Protein backbone atom coordinates (compact mmCIF):
# COMPACT_ATOMS: atom_id res chain seq x y z
CA UNK A 1 -16.03 -20.16 4.72
CA UNK A 2 -12.64 -19.61 3.11
CA UNK A 3 -9.39 -19.97 5.04
CA UNK A 4 -7.06 -17.02 4.48
CA UNK A 5 -3.44 -16.49 5.52
CA UNK A 6 -2.33 -12.85 5.91
CA UNK A 7 1.40 -12.17 6.04
CA UNK A 8 2.34 -8.89 7.70
CA UNK A 9 -0.92 -9.03 9.66
CA UNK A 10 0.44 -6.70 12.35
CA UNK A 11 1.24 -3.96 9.85
CA UNK A 12 -0.97 -1.03 8.91
CA UNK A 13 -2.80 -2.61 5.97
CA UNK A 14 -2.47 -6.10 7.43
CA UNK A 15 -4.28 -5.15 10.64
CA UNK A 16 -7.15 -3.59 8.75
CA UNK A 17 -7.44 -6.46 6.26
CA UNK A 18 -7.33 -9.14 8.97
CA UNK A 19 -9.87 -7.39 11.19
CA UNK A 20 -12.37 -6.86 8.38
CA UNK A 21 -12.06 -10.40 7.03
CA UNK A 22 -12.65 -11.81 10.52
CA UNK A 23 -15.70 -9.59 10.91
CA UNK A 24 -17.07 -11.04 7.68
CA UNK A 25 -16.64 -14.58 8.97
CA UNK A 26 -13.49 -15.67 7.14
CA UNK A 27 -11.08 -17.93 8.98
CA UNK A 28 -7.98 -15.73 9.18
CA UNK A 29 -4.48 -16.73 10.26
CA UNK A 30 -1.68 -14.20 10.58
CA UNK A 31 2.04 -14.61 9.93
CA UNK A 32 5.06 -12.30 10.21
CA UNK A 33 8.49 -12.34 8.59
CA UNK A 34 9.93 -12.59 12.11
CA UNK A 35 8.05 -15.83 12.84
CA UNK A 36 10.02 -19.07 13.01
CA UNK A 37 9.53 -21.51 10.16
CA UNK A 38 7.67 -21.19 6.89
CA UNK A 39 4.22 -19.65 6.56
CA UNK A 40 1.44 -22.30 6.74
CA UNK A 41 0.12 -22.18 3.17
CA UNK A 42 -1.18 -25.74 2.82
CA UNK A 43 -4.92 -26.01 3.40
CA UNK A 44 -5.58 -22.32 2.78
CA UNK A 45 -7.85 -20.96 0.06
CA UNK A 46 -5.99 -17.65 -0.27
CA UNK A 47 -2.76 -16.02 0.86
CA UNK A 48 -2.74 -12.23 1.20
CA UNK A 49 0.94 -11.32 1.23
CA UNK A 50 1.53 -7.93 2.83
CA UNK A 51 4.70 -8.58 4.83
CA UNK A 52 7.71 -6.53 3.72
CA UNK A 53 10.24 -3.89 4.67
CA UNK A 54 8.16 -0.88 3.63
CA UNK A 55 10.69 1.89 4.30
CA UNK A 56 11.28 3.55 0.92
CA UNK A 57 14.60 4.97 2.19
CA UNK A 58 15.92 1.59 3.47
CA UNK A 59 19.58 1.33 2.39
CA UNK A 60 20.65 -2.24 3.29
CA UNK A 61 20.29 -3.82 -0.14
CA UNK A 62 20.89 -7.48 0.77
CA UNK A 63 18.43 -7.34 3.67
CA UNK A 64 15.60 -5.73 1.72
CA UNK A 65 16.16 -8.07 -1.24
CA UNK A 66 16.00 -11.08 1.05
CA UNK A 67 12.87 -9.94 2.89
CA UNK A 68 10.92 -8.35 0.05
CA UNK A 69 11.96 -10.31 -3.04
CA UNK A 70 13.47 -13.67 -2.09
CA UNK A 71 10.81 -14.43 0.50
CA UNK A 72 8.00 -13.38 -1.85
CA UNK A 73 9.33 -15.70 -4.58
CA UNK A 74 9.51 -18.54 -2.06
CA UNK A 75 5.95 -17.86 -0.90
CA UNK A 76 4.68 -17.78 -4.48
CA UNK A 77 6.28 -21.15 -5.15
CA UNK A 78 4.63 -22.54 -2.03
CA UNK A 79 1.26 -21.25 -3.23
CA UNK A 80 1.82 -22.97 -6.58
CA UNK A 81 2.78 -26.21 -4.87
CA UNK A 82 -0.35 -26.25 -2.72
CA UNK A 83 -2.69 -24.69 -5.35
CA UNK A 84 -3.49 -21.65 -3.20
CA UNK A 85 -4.47 -18.32 -4.77
CA UNK A 86 -2.32 -15.31 -3.95
CA UNK A 87 -2.92 -11.60 -3.36
CA UNK A 88 0.28 -9.61 -2.94
CA UNK A 89 1.21 -6.00 -2.25
CA UNK A 90 2.99 -4.20 -5.05
CA UNK A 91 3.51 -0.43 -4.98
CA UNK A 92 3.02 2.69 -7.08
CA UNK A 93 6.65 3.50 -6.24
CA UNK A 94 7.60 1.33 -9.24
CA UNK A 95 6.40 4.16 -11.50
CA UNK A 96 9.00 6.55 -10.07
CA UNK A 97 9.19 9.72 -12.14
CA UNK A 98 6.87 8.42 -14.85
CA UNK A 99 3.92 10.60 -15.79
CA UNK A 100 1.80 7.68 -16.98
CA UNK A 101 0.39 5.22 -14.45
CA UNK A 102 -0.75 2.35 -16.61
CA UNK A 103 -0.08 -1.15 -15.23
CA UNK A 104 1.34 -2.20 -18.60
CA UNK A 105 3.21 1.06 -19.27
CA UNK A 106 6.78 2.20 -18.49
CA UNK A 107 8.20 1.86 -14.98
CA UNK A 108 11.09 3.68 -13.30
CA UNK A 109 11.81 2.43 -9.76
CA UNK A 110 14.14 4.79 -7.89
CA UNK A 111 14.68 3.19 -4.47
CA UNK A 112 15.71 -0.25 -3.23
CA UNK A 113 12.16 -0.72 -1.96
CA UNK A 114 10.66 0.12 -5.36
CA UNK A 115 13.10 -2.22 -7.11
CA UNK A 116 12.08 -5.17 -4.91
CA UNK A 117 8.44 -4.57 -5.83
CA UNK A 118 9.31 -4.18 -9.51
CA UNK A 119 11.37 -7.38 -9.57
CA UNK A 120 8.64 -9.42 -7.91
CA UNK A 121 6.10 -8.07 -10.38
CA UNK A 122 8.45 -9.28 -13.14
CA UNK A 123 8.81 -12.67 -11.49
CA UNK A 124 5.03 -13.09 -11.41
CA UNK A 125 4.68 -12.04 -15.04
CA UNK A 126 7.38 -14.49 -16.16
CA UNK A 127 5.98 -17.45 -14.21
CA UNK A 128 2.34 -17.07 -15.20
CA UNK A 129 0.24 -20.20 -14.88
CA UNK A 130 -3.49 -20.90 -14.84
CA UNK A 131 -3.08 -23.30 -11.93
CA UNK A 132 -3.69 -20.48 -9.42
CA UNK A 133 -4.86 -16.88 -9.56
CA UNK A 134 -2.23 -14.30 -8.61
CA UNK A 135 -3.45 -10.75 -8.05
CA UNK A 136 -0.97 -7.92 -7.56
CA UNK A 137 -2.24 -4.84 -5.73
CA UNK A 138 -0.24 -1.82 -6.83
CA UNK A 139 -1.11 0.43 -3.88
CA UNK A 140 -0.88 4.16 -4.29
CA UNK A 141 -0.64 6.40 -1.18
CA UNK A 142 -2.53 4.51 1.51
CA UNK A 143 -3.69 6.34 4.63
CA UNK A 144 -6.16 5.73 7.42
CA UNK A 145 -7.44 6.57 10.86
CA UNK A 146 -6.30 3.35 12.55
CA UNK A 147 -3.07 1.39 12.57
CA UNK A 148 -0.42 3.86 11.38
CA UNK A 149 1.13 4.76 14.74
CA UNK A 150 3.96 2.21 14.46
CA UNK A 151 5.07 3.35 10.98
CA UNK A 152 7.16 6.30 12.16
CA UNK A 153 8.65 8.28 9.28
CA UNK A 154 6.80 6.08 6.78
CA UNK A 155 3.37 7.07 8.09
CA UNK A 156 1.07 8.88 5.67
CA UNK A 157 0.78 12.68 5.55
CA UNK A 158 -2.75 12.23 6.92
CA UNK A 159 -1.35 10.63 10.07
CA UNK A 160 1.74 12.84 10.40
CA UNK A 161 -0.14 16.10 9.89
CA UNK A 162 -2.97 15.05 12.23
CA UNK A 163 -0.54 14.02 14.97
CA UNK A 164 1.45 17.24 14.67
CA UNK A 165 -1.69 19.39 14.65
CA UNK A 166 -3.05 17.69 17.76
CA UNK A 167 0.21 17.75 19.71
CA UNK A 168 1.76 21.08 18.75
CA UNK A 169 -0.93 23.12 17.03
CA UNK A 170 1.09 23.23 13.81
CA UNK A 171 1.24 21.41 10.48
CA UNK A 172 4.67 21.48 8.78
CA UNK A 173 4.80 21.09 5.00
CA UNK A 174 7.69 20.95 2.57
CA UNK A 175 8.14 24.14 0.58
CA UNK A 176 6.19 24.10 -2.71
CA UNK A 177 3.81 21.46 -1.39
CA UNK A 178 1.17 22.66 -3.82
CA UNK A 179 3.35 21.13 -6.57
CA UNK A 180 3.35 17.65 -5.03
CA UNK A 181 0.16 15.72 -5.78
CA UNK A 182 -0.55 12.14 -4.81
CA UNK A 183 -3.37 9.68 -5.26
CA UNK A 184 -4.32 9.17 -1.62
CA UNK A 185 -6.43 6.05 -1.05
CA UNK A 186 -7.99 5.13 2.30
CA UNK A 187 -7.06 1.84 3.92
CA UNK A 188 -10.76 1.02 4.16
CA UNK A 189 -11.02 1.23 0.38
CA UNK A 190 -7.89 -0.90 0.02
CA UNK A 191 -9.47 -3.54 2.25
CA UNK A 192 -12.64 -3.42 0.17
CA UNK A 193 -10.69 -4.13 -3.04
CA UNK A 194 -9.20 -7.24 -1.44
CA UNK A 195 -12.65 -8.42 -0.38
CA UNK A 196 -14.17 -7.79 -3.82
CA UNK A 197 -11.31 -9.68 -5.49
CA UNK A 198 -11.30 -12.76 -3.25
CA UNK A 199 -13.22 -14.64 -5.94
CA UNK A 200 -11.19 -13.09 -8.77
CA UNK A 201 -10.18 -15.58 -11.46
CA UNK A 202 -8.17 -13.16 -13.61
CA UNK A 203 -4.48 -13.01 -12.70
CA UNK A 204 -2.81 -9.65 -13.12
CA UNK A 205 -1.53 -6.47 -11.49
CA UNK A 206 -4.05 -3.76 -10.64
CA UNK A 207 -3.58 -0.15 -9.58
CA UNK A 208 -5.30 0.53 -6.26
CA UNK A 209 -6.06 4.24 -6.06
CA UNK A 210 -8.87 6.70 -6.54
CA UNK A 211 -7.74 8.16 -9.86
CA UNK A 212 -7.97 11.65 -8.30
CA UNK A 213 -4.72 13.26 -7.05
CA UNK A 214 -4.64 15.78 -4.19
CA UNK A 215 -1.78 18.10 -3.24
CA UNK A 216 0.06 17.90 0.06
CA UNK A 217 -0.82 21.56 0.45
CA UNK A 218 -4.56 20.82 0.38
CA UNK A 219 -4.23 17.90 2.79
CA UNK A 220 -2.16 19.97 5.23
CA UNK A 221 -4.50 22.95 5.08
CA UNK A 222 -7.62 20.84 5.64
CA UNK A 223 -6.08 19.12 8.66
CA UNK A 224 -4.82 22.45 10.02
CA UNK A 225 -8.32 23.88 9.68
CA UNK A 226 -9.89 20.88 11.40
CA UNK A 227 -7.64 21.22 14.45
CA UNK A 228 -7.23 25.01 14.34
CA UNK A 229 -3.50 24.62 13.70
CA UNK A 230 -0.95 26.88 11.99
CA UNK A 231 0.72 25.86 8.71
CA UNK A 232 4.53 26.06 8.67
CA UNK A 233 7.07 25.23 5.94
CA UNK A 234 10.54 23.64 5.70
CA UNK A 235 12.94 22.57 2.96
CA UNK A 236 12.82 19.01 1.65
CA UNK A 237 15.59 16.82 3.17
CA UNK A 238 18.48 16.09 0.83
CA UNK A 239 17.98 12.30 1.03
CA UNK A 240 14.51 12.66 -0.50
CA UNK A 241 15.55 14.89 -3.39
CA UNK A 242 15.72 12.83 -6.57
CA UNK A 243 13.48 9.98 -5.42
CA UNK A 244 10.47 11.93 -4.19
CA UNK A 245 7.52 11.40 -6.52
CA UNK A 246 5.99 14.73 -7.51
CA UNK A 247 2.79 13.25 -8.90
CA UNK A 248 0.84 10.00 -8.78
CA UNK A 249 -2.58 9.23 -10.20
CA UNK A 250 -3.79 5.66 -10.57
CA UNK A 251 -5.16 4.58 -13.91
CA UNK A 252 -7.97 2.33 -12.63
CA UNK A 253 -9.56 1.29 -15.93
CA UNK A 254 -8.20 -2.24 -15.53
CA UNK A 255 -9.53 -2.53 -11.98
CA UNK A 256 -12.90 -1.11 -13.05
CA UNK A 257 -13.23 -3.92 -15.58
CA UNK A 258 -13.49 -6.37 -12.66
CA UNK A 259 -15.09 -4.47 -9.77
CA UNK A 260 -16.84 -1.21 -9.03
CA UNK A 261 -15.67 0.95 -6.13
CA UNK A 262 -17.00 4.10 -4.52
CA UNK A 263 -13.74 5.76 -3.52
CA UNK A 264 -13.57 8.14 -0.55
CA UNK A 265 -11.60 11.32 -1.23
CA UNK A 266 -9.00 12.29 1.36
CA UNK A 267 -10.77 15.65 1.77
CA UNK A 268 -14.01 13.93 2.80
CA UNK A 269 -12.10 11.43 4.94
CA UNK A 270 -10.45 14.23 6.93
CA UNK A 271 -13.84 15.66 7.76
CA UNK A 272 -15.41 12.32 8.67
CA UNK A 273 -12.65 10.54 10.61
CA UNK A 274 -10.62 11.18 13.74
CA UNK A 275 -7.04 9.97 13.46
CA UNK A 276 -5.81 7.71 16.29
CA UNK A 277 -2.32 8.77 17.42
């Protein structure tokens, strides 16, 4: 069975990926950016690189560049040296205010976080080699029932709304939430894409989303209904104005050329899952 290293294995996606791979019998080793020394790449069959500063409002440029970009470049070089395939987490934030979500189309990163993802995508594209397979996972809005508690302000609307509804009997939305639509993809589906692409031999970046956007309004109302909560509204904070994506919808034609997925809509997920808070 394959030996897999997962960086960021204590994070939201990392926990879910590591747990599922172990259940399937893979030999999984975890590693964090805070660990001493370099990640143990030699002898592995695959590295799944998920470790990063994931706060889209993070403002310390040098720190986020060092952790998200410099380290990722170093890890990629180590994978090349030891002939180990690489999965890595990119992000739909690189599209910014674009209205097209094609992996090969225009990009418009609008935060330091998005720029680090964009620059690593560029690094991978410029250092292409057939010696290893490098697969970039351009995650859209990932949510899930387990593992989000530690994310704080960066937790998904699914988690935030569910927690608020359970604890206070209210769900608070930004004003005009019906105008903000996102491609919400469950963490279980994200994990499944990694599993299906373990044997992938086609390097490239792939959108990971359902291809079906849903408004924050609909998500909030469905969660409020589930927990018999009241919907309230507030103005969007000033620091989010200008970098808040109004619409995302993954173009998954490229992904569909390699694998077939049965995506779970967030509406169905709300009905079928209880969020751990």
